[in-house]
Amino acid sequence: MPDSPGAQLEIVHLLRAVTVELSLRTADFAARNGMHPTDVRALIRLMDARREGTDMTAGRLGAELGLHSAGTTGLIDRLERLGHVRRVRDARDRRRVLIEIEERAVALGQSFFGPLIGRTVELLQGYDEQQLAAVKGFLGGVLGHARGAADTRGAADTPGSR
C-alpha cells in the first residue's frame, strides 16, 4: 500500500481534472441543446431514478439539486417545453405528481455522451474484478464524502445555525 501523500494527491488532482472536464462537456451539451447545466443535472438524476426504480417528485428533484420550489418549477417547466420530461399522476396516489424523463431526452444524451461512455466501458474491461471493486469503492467513497460535505455546508448555512 503506498504511503506517499504525493501519489495520493496525484489521484485527487486527476479526479479533479476529470470532474472539470466532464463539467465542461456537460456545459457544451447544455448549450448545444438550449439548456442550462442544471437542466442536464436534472435529466441525469431522472435517468438515475428510473434506473433505480424510484419515483421522482418535483420536491425530491429540487432537494437533490439544491433548488427552491420556484426554481424547481421553472426547471421542470423548461424541460417539459423542450419535450424532455413529463408530469404524470402517481397511479397509487392520484394527488402526487411524478416527473418522468422522456425517451427523446435519453436518446439525445446518448447521442452526445454515448461515445465517451463506450470508451470508458472499454477502458474498464481491462481491469480484473478486484481492480473494478477498488475503483468502485474509491469512487463511491469520494461520492459519499462529497455528499457529506454538501450536507455539512447546508446545515451550516441554515438560519439559526450561526
N, C-alpha and C. Protein backbone atom coordinates (compact mmCIF):
# COMPACT_ATOMS: atom_id res chain seq x y z
N MET A 1 0.85 -1.18 0.00
CA MET A 1 0.00 0.00 0.00
C MET A 1 0.90 1.24 0.00
N PRO A 2 0.71 2.17 -0.93
CA PRO A 2 1.59 3.34 -1.00
C PRO A 2 1.34 4.28 0.18
N ASP A 3 2.46 4.72 0.79
CA ASP A 3 2.36 5.67 1.89
C ASP A 3 2.63 7.08 1.43
N SER A 4 2.92 7.25 0.17
CA SER A 4 3.32 8.55 -0.35
C SER A 4 2.11 9.46 -0.53
N PRO A 5 2.08 10.57 0.24
CA PRO A 5 0.98 11.51 0.02
C PRO A 5 1.01 12.10 -1.38
N GLY A 6 2.18 12.11 -2.01
CA GLY A 6 2.29 12.63 -3.38
C GLY A 6 1.47 11.80 -4.35
N ALA A 7 1.54 10.48 -4.23
CA ALA A 7 0.78 9.59 -5.11
C ALA A 7 -0.71 9.74 -4.85
N GLN A 8 -1.08 9.89 -3.59
CA GLN A 8 -2.49 10.05 -3.25
C GLN A 8 -3.03 11.40 -3.75
N LEU A 9 -2.24 12.45 -3.58
CA LEU A 9 -2.66 13.76 -4.07
C LEU A 9 -2.72 13.80 -5.59
N GLU A 10 -1.84 13.04 -6.23
CA GLU A 10 -1.88 12.97 -7.69
C GLU A 10 -3.22 12.41 -8.16
N ILE A 11 -3.71 11.40 -7.45
CA ILE A 11 -5.02 10.82 -7.79
C ILE A 11 -6.13 11.84 -7.52
N VAL A 12 -6.05 12.57 -6.41
CA VAL A 12 -7.04 13.60 -6.11
C VAL A 12 -7.05 14.66 -7.20
N HIS A 13 -5.87 15.10 -7.64
CA HIS A 13 -5.79 16.11 -8.69
C HIS A 13 -6.31 15.58 -10.02
N LEU A 14 -6.05 14.31 -10.30
CA LEU A 14 -6.56 13.69 -11.51
C LEU A 14 -8.09 13.60 -11.47
N LEU A 15 -8.63 13.24 -10.32
CA LEU A 15 -10.08 13.19 -10.16
C LEU A 15 -10.68 14.59 -10.37
N ARG A 16 -10.02 15.60 -9.83
CA ARG A 16 -10.50 16.97 -10.03
C ARG A 16 -10.49 17.34 -11.50
N ALA A 17 -9.42 16.97 -12.21
CA ALA A 17 -9.32 17.27 -13.64
C ALA A 17 -10.44 16.57 -14.42
N VAL A 18 -10.73 15.32 -14.07
CA VAL A 18 -11.81 14.59 -14.72
C VAL A 18 -13.15 15.29 -14.45
N THR A 19 -13.35 15.71 -13.21
CA THR A 19 -14.59 16.41 -12.84
C THR A 19 -14.76 17.69 -13.64
N VAL A 20 -13.68 18.46 -13.77
CA VAL A 20 -13.75 19.71 -14.54
C VAL A 20 -14.04 19.40 -16.00
N GLU A 21 -13.37 18.43 -16.56
CA GLU A 21 -13.57 18.09 -17.98
C GLU A 21 -15.00 17.62 -18.24
N LEU A 22 -15.52 16.78 -17.35
CA LEU A 22 -16.91 16.33 -17.52
C LEU A 22 -17.89 17.48 -17.36
N SER A 23 -17.58 18.41 -16.49
CA SER A 23 -18.42 19.60 -16.32
C SER A 23 -18.42 20.44 -17.59
N LEU A 24 -17.26 20.56 -18.23
CA LEU A 24 -17.17 21.29 -19.49
C LEU A 24 -17.98 20.60 -20.59
N ARG A 25 -17.91 19.26 -20.64
CA ARG A 25 -18.69 18.52 -21.63
C ARG A 25 -20.20 18.71 -21.37
N THR A 26 -20.57 18.70 -20.10
CA THR A 26 -21.98 18.91 -19.75
C THR A 26 -22.44 20.30 -20.16
N ALA A 27 -21.62 21.32 -19.92
CA ALA A 27 -21.97 22.68 -20.31
C ALA A 27 -22.09 22.79 -21.83
N ASP A 28 -21.21 22.12 -22.55
CA ASP A 28 -21.26 22.12 -24.01
C ASP A 28 -22.56 21.47 -24.49
N PHE A 29 -22.90 20.32 -23.92
CA PHE A 29 -24.14 19.63 -24.27
C PHE A 29 -25.34 20.53 -23.99
N ALA A 30 -25.35 21.17 -22.83
CA ALA A 30 -26.45 22.06 -22.46
C ALA A 30 -26.59 23.19 -23.46
N ALA A 31 -25.48 23.84 -23.77
CA ALA A 31 -25.52 24.99 -24.69
C ALA A 31 -26.00 24.56 -26.08
N ARG A 32 -25.53 23.43 -26.54
CA ARG A 32 -25.94 22.94 -27.87
C ARG A 32 -27.43 22.61 -27.96
N ASN A 33 -28.02 22.34 -26.79
CA ASN A 33 -29.41 21.90 -26.78
C ASN A 33 -30.35 22.88 -26.08
N GLY A 34 -29.91 24.13 -25.95
CA GLY A 34 -30.76 25.16 -25.38
C GLY A 34 -31.14 24.95 -23.93
N MET A 35 -30.19 24.38 -23.17
CA MET A 35 -30.45 24.10 -21.76
C MET A 35 -29.40 24.77 -20.89
N HIS A 36 -29.66 24.77 -19.61
CA HIS A 36 -28.73 25.22 -18.59
C HIS A 36 -28.07 23.96 -18.03
N PRO A 37 -26.83 24.04 -17.53
CA PRO A 37 -26.22 22.84 -16.93
C PRO A 37 -27.07 22.21 -15.82
N THR A 38 -27.84 23.01 -15.09
CA THR A 38 -28.72 22.45 -14.06
C THR A 38 -29.80 21.58 -14.70
N ASP A 39 -30.26 21.95 -15.89
CA ASP A 39 -31.24 21.13 -16.61
C ASP A 39 -30.65 19.75 -16.89
N VAL A 40 -29.39 19.73 -17.27
CA VAL A 40 -28.73 18.46 -17.58
C VAL A 40 -28.58 17.63 -16.31
N ARG A 41 -28.20 18.27 -15.20
CA ARG A 41 -28.11 17.54 -13.93
C ARG A 41 -29.46 16.94 -13.55
N ALA A 42 -30.55 17.69 -13.82
CA ALA A 42 -31.88 17.17 -13.52
C ALA A 42 -32.18 15.94 -14.39
N LEU A 43 -31.85 16.00 -15.66
CA LEU A 43 -32.09 14.87 -16.54
C LEU A 43 -31.28 13.65 -16.10
N ILE A 44 -30.04 13.87 -15.69
CA ILE A 44 -29.21 12.76 -15.21
C ILE A 44 -29.84 12.15 -13.97
N ARG A 45 -30.30 12.98 -13.05
CA ARG A 45 -30.92 12.49 -11.82
C ARG A 45 -32.20 11.71 -12.14
N LEU A 46 -32.97 12.19 -13.13
CA LEU A 46 -34.18 11.47 -13.53
C LEU A 46 -33.85 10.12 -14.17
N MET A 47 -32.78 10.07 -14.95
CA MET A 47 -32.36 8.78 -15.53
C MET A 47 -31.90 7.83 -14.43
N ASP A 48 -31.17 8.36 -13.45
CA ASP A 48 -30.72 7.53 -12.33
C ASP A 48 -31.91 6.98 -11.56
N ALA A 49 -32.92 7.82 -11.29
CA ALA A 49 -34.10 7.38 -10.56
C ALA A 49 -34.83 6.28 -11.33
N ARG A 50 -34.94 6.46 -12.63
CA ARG A 50 -35.60 5.43 -13.44
C ARG A 50 -34.82 4.12 -13.38
N ARG A 51 -33.50 4.21 -13.50
CA ARG A 51 -32.66 3.00 -13.44
C ARG A 51 -32.78 2.32 -12.07
N GLU A 52 -32.89 3.13 -11.00
CA GLU A 52 -33.02 2.60 -9.64
C GLU A 52 -34.43 2.10 -9.34
N GLY A 53 -35.39 2.46 -10.20
CA GLY A 53 -36.78 2.08 -9.96
C GLY A 53 -37.45 2.90 -8.87
N THR A 54 -36.99 4.15 -8.68
CA THR A 54 -37.57 5.02 -7.67
C THR A 54 -38.34 6.16 -8.32
N ASP A 55 -39.39 6.58 -7.64
CA ASP A 55 -40.21 7.69 -8.13
C ASP A 55 -39.50 9.01 -7.88
N MET A 56 -39.76 9.99 -8.74
CA MET A 56 -39.19 11.31 -8.57
C MET A 56 -40.32 12.34 -8.60
N THR A 57 -40.46 13.04 -7.50
CA THR A 57 -41.41 14.15 -7.44
C THR A 57 -40.63 15.45 -7.65
N ALA A 58 -41.35 16.51 -7.88
CA ALA A 58 -40.70 17.81 -8.04
C ALA A 58 -39.95 18.18 -6.76
N GLY A 59 -40.56 17.95 -5.62
CA GLY A 59 -39.91 18.28 -4.35
C GLY A 59 -38.61 17.53 -4.14
N ARG A 60 -38.63 16.25 -4.44
CA ARG A 60 -37.41 15.44 -4.29
C ARG A 60 -36.34 15.89 -5.28
N LEU A 61 -36.73 16.14 -6.52
CA LEU A 61 -35.77 16.59 -7.52
C LEU A 61 -35.14 17.91 -7.10
N GLY A 62 -35.96 18.84 -6.66
CA GLY A 62 -35.45 20.13 -6.21
C GLY A 62 -34.48 19.98 -5.05
N ALA A 63 -34.84 19.14 -4.09
CA ALA A 63 -33.97 18.92 -2.93
C ALA A 63 -32.63 18.32 -3.36
N GLU A 64 -32.66 17.37 -4.27
CA GLU A 64 -31.42 16.72 -4.71
C GLU A 64 -30.54 17.67 -5.52
N LEU A 65 -31.16 18.66 -6.15
CA LEU A 65 -30.39 19.63 -6.95
C LEU A 65 -30.09 20.90 -6.18
N GLY A 66 -30.61 21.01 -4.96
CA GLY A 66 -30.38 22.20 -4.15
C GLY A 66 -31.16 23.42 -4.63
N LEU A 67 -32.35 23.20 -5.17
CA LEU A 67 -33.17 24.29 -5.69
C LEU A 67 -34.36 24.55 -4.77
N HIS A 68 -34.82 25.78 -4.74
CA HIS A 68 -36.03 26.11 -4.01
C HIS A 68 -37.23 25.77 -4.89
N SER A 69 -38.42 25.89 -4.34
CA SER A 69 -39.63 25.46 -5.03
C SER A 69 -39.85 26.16 -6.37
N ALA A 70 -39.71 27.48 -6.38
CA ALA A 70 -39.93 28.22 -7.64
C ALA A 70 -38.90 27.84 -8.69
N GLY A 71 -37.66 27.67 -8.27
CA GLY A 71 -36.61 27.27 -9.21
C GLY A 71 -36.86 25.89 -9.78
N THR A 72 -37.35 24.98 -8.94
CA THR A 72 -37.67 23.63 -9.41
C THR A 72 -38.81 23.65 -10.41
N THR A 73 -39.84 24.43 -10.11
CA THR A 73 -40.97 24.55 -11.04
C THR A 73 -40.51 25.09 -12.38
N GLY A 74 -39.68 26.13 -12.36
CA GLY A 74 -39.16 26.70 -13.60
C GLY A 74 -38.35 25.69 -14.39
N LEU A 75 -37.53 24.94 -13.70
CA LEU A 75 -36.70 23.91 -14.34
C LEU A 75 -37.58 22.86 -15.00
N ILE A 76 -38.57 22.35 -14.28
CA ILE A 76 -39.44 21.31 -14.85
C ILE A 76 -40.26 21.87 -16.01
N ASP A 77 -40.76 23.10 -15.87
CA ASP A 77 -41.50 23.73 -16.97
C ASP A 77 -40.63 23.82 -18.22
N ARG A 78 -39.38 24.25 -18.06
CA ARG A 78 -38.44 24.38 -19.18
C ARG A 78 -38.21 23.03 -19.84
N LEU A 79 -37.93 22.02 -19.04
CA LEU A 79 -37.66 20.69 -19.59
C LEU A 79 -38.90 20.08 -20.24
N GLU A 80 -40.06 20.40 -19.70
CA GLU A 80 -41.30 19.91 -20.29
C GLU A 80 -41.54 20.59 -21.65
N ARG A 81 -41.31 21.91 -21.72
CA ARG A 81 -41.46 22.62 -23.00
C ARG A 81 -40.52 22.08 -24.07
N LEU A 82 -39.32 21.67 -23.65
CA LEU A 82 -38.35 21.11 -24.59
C LEU A 82 -38.67 19.66 -24.97
N GLY A 83 -39.65 19.06 -24.29
CA GLY A 83 -40.04 17.69 -24.58
C GLY A 83 -39.15 16.65 -23.91
N HIS A 84 -38.44 17.04 -22.85
CA HIS A 84 -37.51 16.13 -22.18
C HIS A 84 -38.11 15.40 -20.98
N VAL A 85 -39.16 15.99 -20.37
CA VAL A 85 -39.79 15.36 -19.22
C VAL A 85 -41.31 15.50 -19.35
N ARG A 86 -42.00 14.73 -18.53
CA ARG A 86 -43.46 14.85 -18.45
C ARG A 86 -43.86 14.70 -16.98
N ARG A 87 -44.96 15.36 -16.66
CA ARG A 87 -45.56 15.22 -15.33
C ARG A 87 -46.68 14.19 -15.46
N VAL A 88 -46.69 13.22 -14.56
CA VAL A 88 -47.73 12.19 -14.58
C VAL A 88 -48.25 11.97 -13.17
N ARG A 89 -49.53 11.70 -13.08
CA ARG A 89 -50.14 11.39 -11.78
C ARG A 89 -49.66 10.02 -11.32
N ASP A 90 -49.33 9.91 -10.06
CA ASP A 90 -48.94 8.64 -9.47
C ASP A 90 -50.15 7.72 -9.48
N ALA A 91 -50.01 6.52 -10.00
CA ALA A 91 -51.12 5.57 -10.10
C ALA A 91 -51.61 5.14 -8.71
N ARG A 92 -50.73 5.14 -7.72
CA ARG A 92 -51.11 4.72 -6.36
C ARG A 92 -51.71 5.85 -5.54
N ASP A 93 -51.30 7.08 -5.84
CA ASP A 93 -51.80 8.24 -5.10
C ASP A 93 -52.00 9.37 -6.11
N ARG A 94 -53.22 9.53 -6.58
CA ARG A 94 -53.51 10.48 -7.65
C ARG A 94 -53.21 11.93 -7.27
N ARG A 95 -53.04 12.21 -5.98
CA ARG A 95 -52.69 13.57 -5.56
C ARG A 95 -51.22 13.88 -5.84
N ARG A 96 -50.42 12.86 -5.98
CA ARG A 96 -48.98 13.02 -6.15
C ARG A 96 -48.63 13.05 -7.64
N VAL A 97 -47.76 14.00 -8.00
CA VAL A 97 -47.32 14.13 -9.40
C VAL A 97 -45.86 13.71 -9.48
N LEU A 98 -45.59 12.82 -10.42
CA LEU A 98 -44.23 12.33 -10.64
C LEU A 98 -43.64 13.00 -11.88
N ILE A 99 -42.34 13.14 -11.87
CA ILE A 99 -41.62 13.69 -13.02
C ILE A 99 -40.90 12.52 -13.67
N GLU A 100 -41.15 12.32 -14.96
CA GLU A 100 -40.53 11.22 -15.70
C GLU A 100 -39.77 11.77 -16.89
N ILE A 101 -38.68 11.14 -17.20
CA ILE A 101 -37.87 11.55 -18.35
C ILE A 101 -38.45 10.93 -19.62
N GLU A 102 -38.45 11.69 -20.69
CA GLU A 102 -38.93 11.21 -21.99
C GLU A 102 -37.78 10.49 -22.70
N GLU A 103 -38.14 9.51 -23.52
CA GLU A 103 -37.13 8.77 -24.28
C GLU A 103 -36.33 9.69 -25.20
N ARG A 104 -36.95 10.76 -25.67
CA ARG A 104 -36.27 11.73 -26.52
C ARG A 104 -35.04 12.30 -25.81
N ALA A 105 -35.17 12.60 -24.53
CA ALA A 105 -34.05 13.15 -23.76
C ALA A 105 -32.95 12.10 -23.58
N VAL A 106 -33.35 10.86 -23.33
CA VAL A 106 -32.37 9.78 -23.18
C VAL A 106 -31.58 9.61 -24.48
N ALA A 107 -32.28 9.60 -25.61
CA ALA A 107 -31.62 9.43 -26.91
C ALA A 107 -30.69 10.61 -27.21
N LEU A 108 -31.12 11.82 -26.85
CA LEU A 108 -30.29 13.00 -27.06
C LEU A 108 -29.00 12.89 -26.26
N GLY A 109 -29.12 12.51 -25.00
CA GLY A 109 -27.94 12.33 -24.16
C GLY A 109 -27.03 11.23 -24.67
N GLN A 110 -27.64 10.14 -25.12
CA GLN A 110 -26.86 9.01 -25.64
C GLN A 110 -26.09 9.42 -26.89
N SER A 111 -26.71 10.24 -27.74
CA SER A 111 -26.02 10.64 -28.97
C SER A 111 -24.79 11.49 -28.67
N PHE A 112 -24.82 12.24 -27.59
CA PHE A 112 -23.70 13.11 -27.24
C PHE A 112 -22.68 12.40 -26.35
N PHE A 113 -23.18 11.77 -25.28
CA PHE A 113 -22.29 11.16 -24.28
C PHE A 113 -21.99 9.69 -24.54
N GLY A 114 -22.74 9.06 -25.45
CA GLY A 114 -22.57 7.64 -25.73
C GLY A 114 -21.15 7.23 -26.09
N PRO A 115 -20.48 7.98 -26.99
CA PRO A 115 -19.11 7.60 -27.32
C PRO A 115 -18.17 7.63 -26.11
N LEU A 116 -18.31 8.63 -25.25
CA LEU A 116 -17.48 8.70 -24.05
C LEU A 116 -17.80 7.54 -23.11
N ILE A 117 -19.07 7.24 -22.96
CA ILE A 117 -19.47 6.11 -22.09
C ILE A 117 -18.90 4.82 -22.66
N GLY A 118 -19.00 4.63 -23.96
CA GLY A 118 -18.47 3.42 -24.59
C GLY A 118 -16.98 3.27 -24.39
N ARG A 119 -16.24 4.36 -24.58
CA ARG A 119 -14.78 4.30 -24.38
C ARG A 119 -14.43 4.03 -22.91
N THR A 120 -15.24 4.56 -22.01
CA THR A 120 -14.99 4.32 -20.58
C THR A 120 -15.24 2.86 -20.24
N VAL A 121 -16.31 2.29 -20.78
CA VAL A 121 -16.59 0.87 -20.55
C VAL A 121 -15.46 0.01 -21.12
N GLU A 122 -14.98 0.36 -22.32
CA GLU A 122 -13.86 -0.37 -22.92
C GLU A 122 -12.62 -0.30 -22.01
N LEU A 123 -12.35 0.86 -21.46
CA LEU A 123 -11.21 1.03 -20.55
C LEU A 123 -11.37 0.12 -19.33
N LEU A 124 -12.57 0.06 -18.79
CA LEU A 124 -12.82 -0.76 -17.60
C LEU A 124 -12.72 -2.26 -17.89
N GLN A 125 -12.91 -2.66 -19.15
CA GLN A 125 -12.81 -4.07 -19.49
C GLN A 125 -11.38 -4.59 -19.31
N GLY A 126 -10.42 -3.69 -19.23
CA GLY A 126 -9.04 -4.10 -19.00
C GLY A 126 -8.71 -4.34 -17.53
N TYR A 127 -9.68 -4.17 -16.64
CA TYR A 127 -9.46 -4.34 -15.22
C TYR A 127 -10.06 -5.66 -14.75
N ASP A 128 -9.40 -6.31 -13.79
CA ASP A 128 -9.97 -7.54 -13.24
C ASP A 128 -11.00 -7.19 -12.16
N GLU A 129 -11.67 -8.19 -11.62
CA GLU A 129 -12.75 -7.96 -10.65
C GLU A 129 -12.26 -7.22 -9.41
N GLN A 130 -11.07 -7.55 -8.94
CA GLN A 130 -10.53 -6.89 -7.74
C GLN A 130 -10.24 -5.41 -8.03
N GLN A 131 -9.69 -5.13 -9.19
CA GLN A 131 -9.42 -3.74 -9.56
C GLN A 131 -10.71 -2.96 -9.73
N LEU A 132 -11.72 -3.58 -10.36
CA LEU A 132 -13.01 -2.92 -10.52
C LEU A 132 -13.64 -2.61 -9.16
N ALA A 133 -13.52 -3.56 -8.23
CA ALA A 133 -14.07 -3.34 -6.90
C ALA A 133 -13.34 -2.18 -6.21
N ALA A 134 -12.03 -2.08 -6.42
CA ALA A 134 -11.27 -0.98 -5.82
C ALA A 134 -11.70 0.37 -6.42
N VAL A 135 -11.85 0.42 -7.74
CA VAL A 135 -12.28 1.66 -8.40
C VAL A 135 -13.68 2.04 -7.91
N LYS A 136 -14.58 1.07 -7.88
CA LYS A 136 -15.94 1.33 -7.43
C LYS A 136 -15.96 1.79 -5.97
N GLY A 137 -15.19 1.15 -5.14
CA GLY A 137 -15.11 1.54 -3.73
C GLY A 137 -14.56 2.94 -3.56
N PHE A 138 -13.52 3.27 -4.31
CA PHE A 138 -12.92 4.60 -4.24
C PHE A 138 -13.92 5.67 -4.68
N LEU A 139 -14.51 5.47 -5.86
CA LEU A 139 -15.45 6.48 -6.37
C LEU A 139 -16.69 6.59 -5.47
N GLY A 140 -17.17 5.48 -4.97
CA GLY A 140 -18.30 5.52 -4.03
C GLY A 140 -17.95 6.26 -2.76
N GLY A 141 -16.74 6.06 -2.26
CA GLY A 141 -16.28 6.77 -1.07
C GLY A 141 -16.16 8.27 -1.31
N VAL A 142 -15.60 8.65 -2.46
CA VAL A 142 -15.48 10.07 -2.79
C VAL A 142 -16.87 10.69 -2.90
N LEU A 143 -17.78 9.98 -3.56
CA LEU A 143 -19.15 10.48 -3.68
C LEU A 143 -19.78 10.67 -2.31
N GLY A 144 -19.61 9.70 -1.44
CA GLY A 144 -20.16 9.82 -0.08
C GLY A 144 -19.57 11.00 0.67
N HIS A 145 -18.27 11.21 0.55
CA HIS A 145 -17.63 12.35 1.22
C HIS A 145 -18.12 13.67 0.63
N ALA A 146 -18.27 13.71 -0.70
CA ALA A 146 -18.75 14.94 -1.34
C ALA A 146 -20.17 15.25 -0.89
N ARG A 147 -21.01 14.23 -0.83
CA ARG A 147 -22.39 14.45 -0.36
C ARG A 147 -22.40 14.86 1.10
N GLY A 148 -21.53 14.27 1.89
CA GLY A 148 -21.44 14.63 3.30
C GLY A 148 -20.98 16.06 3.48
N ALA A 149 -20.04 16.50 2.65
CA ALA A 149 -19.57 17.89 2.72
C ALA A 149 -20.68 18.84 2.35
N ALA A 150 -21.48 18.47 1.36
CA ALA A 150 -22.61 19.32 0.95
C ALA A 150 -23.64 19.37 2.08
N ASP A 151 -23.89 18.24 2.75
CA ASP A 151 -24.85 18.22 3.85
C ASP A 151 -24.35 19.08 5.01
N THR A 152 -23.06 19.01 5.31
CA THR A 152 -22.47 19.80 6.38
C THR A 152 -22.54 21.27 6.05
N ARG A 153 -22.20 21.62 4.80
CA ARG A 153 -22.24 23.01 4.38
C ARG A 153 -23.66 23.54 4.43
N GLY A 154 -24.62 22.73 3.98
CA GLY A 154 -26.02 23.14 4.00
C GLY A 154 -26.51 23.39 5.42
N ALA A 155 -26.10 22.54 6.36
CA ALA A 155 -26.52 22.70 7.75
C ALA A 155 -25.91 23.97 8.35
N ALA A 156 -24.69 24.28 7.96
CA ALA A 156 -24.04 25.48 8.49
C ALA A 156 -24.66 26.75 7.92
N ASP A 157 -25.32 26.64 6.77
CA ASP A 157 -25.91 27.80 6.12
C ASP A 157 -27.36 28.04 6.50
N THR A 158 -27.93 27.15 7.32
CA THR A 158 -29.33 27.32 7.66
C THR A 158 -29.48 28.41 8.71
N PRO A 159 -30.62 29.13 8.67
CA PRO A 159 -30.83 30.19 9.65
C PRO A 159 -30.79 29.64 11.07
N GLY A 160 -30.19 30.39 11.96
CA GLY A 160 -30.12 29.98 13.35
C GLY A 160 -28.97 29.04 13.66
N SER A 161 -28.17 28.68 12.66
CA SER A 161 -27.07 27.75 12.91
C SER A 161 -25.77 28.49 13.20
N ARG A 162 -25.81 29.79 13.19
CA ARG A 162 -24.59 30.57 13.44
C ARG A 162 -24.53 31.09 14.83
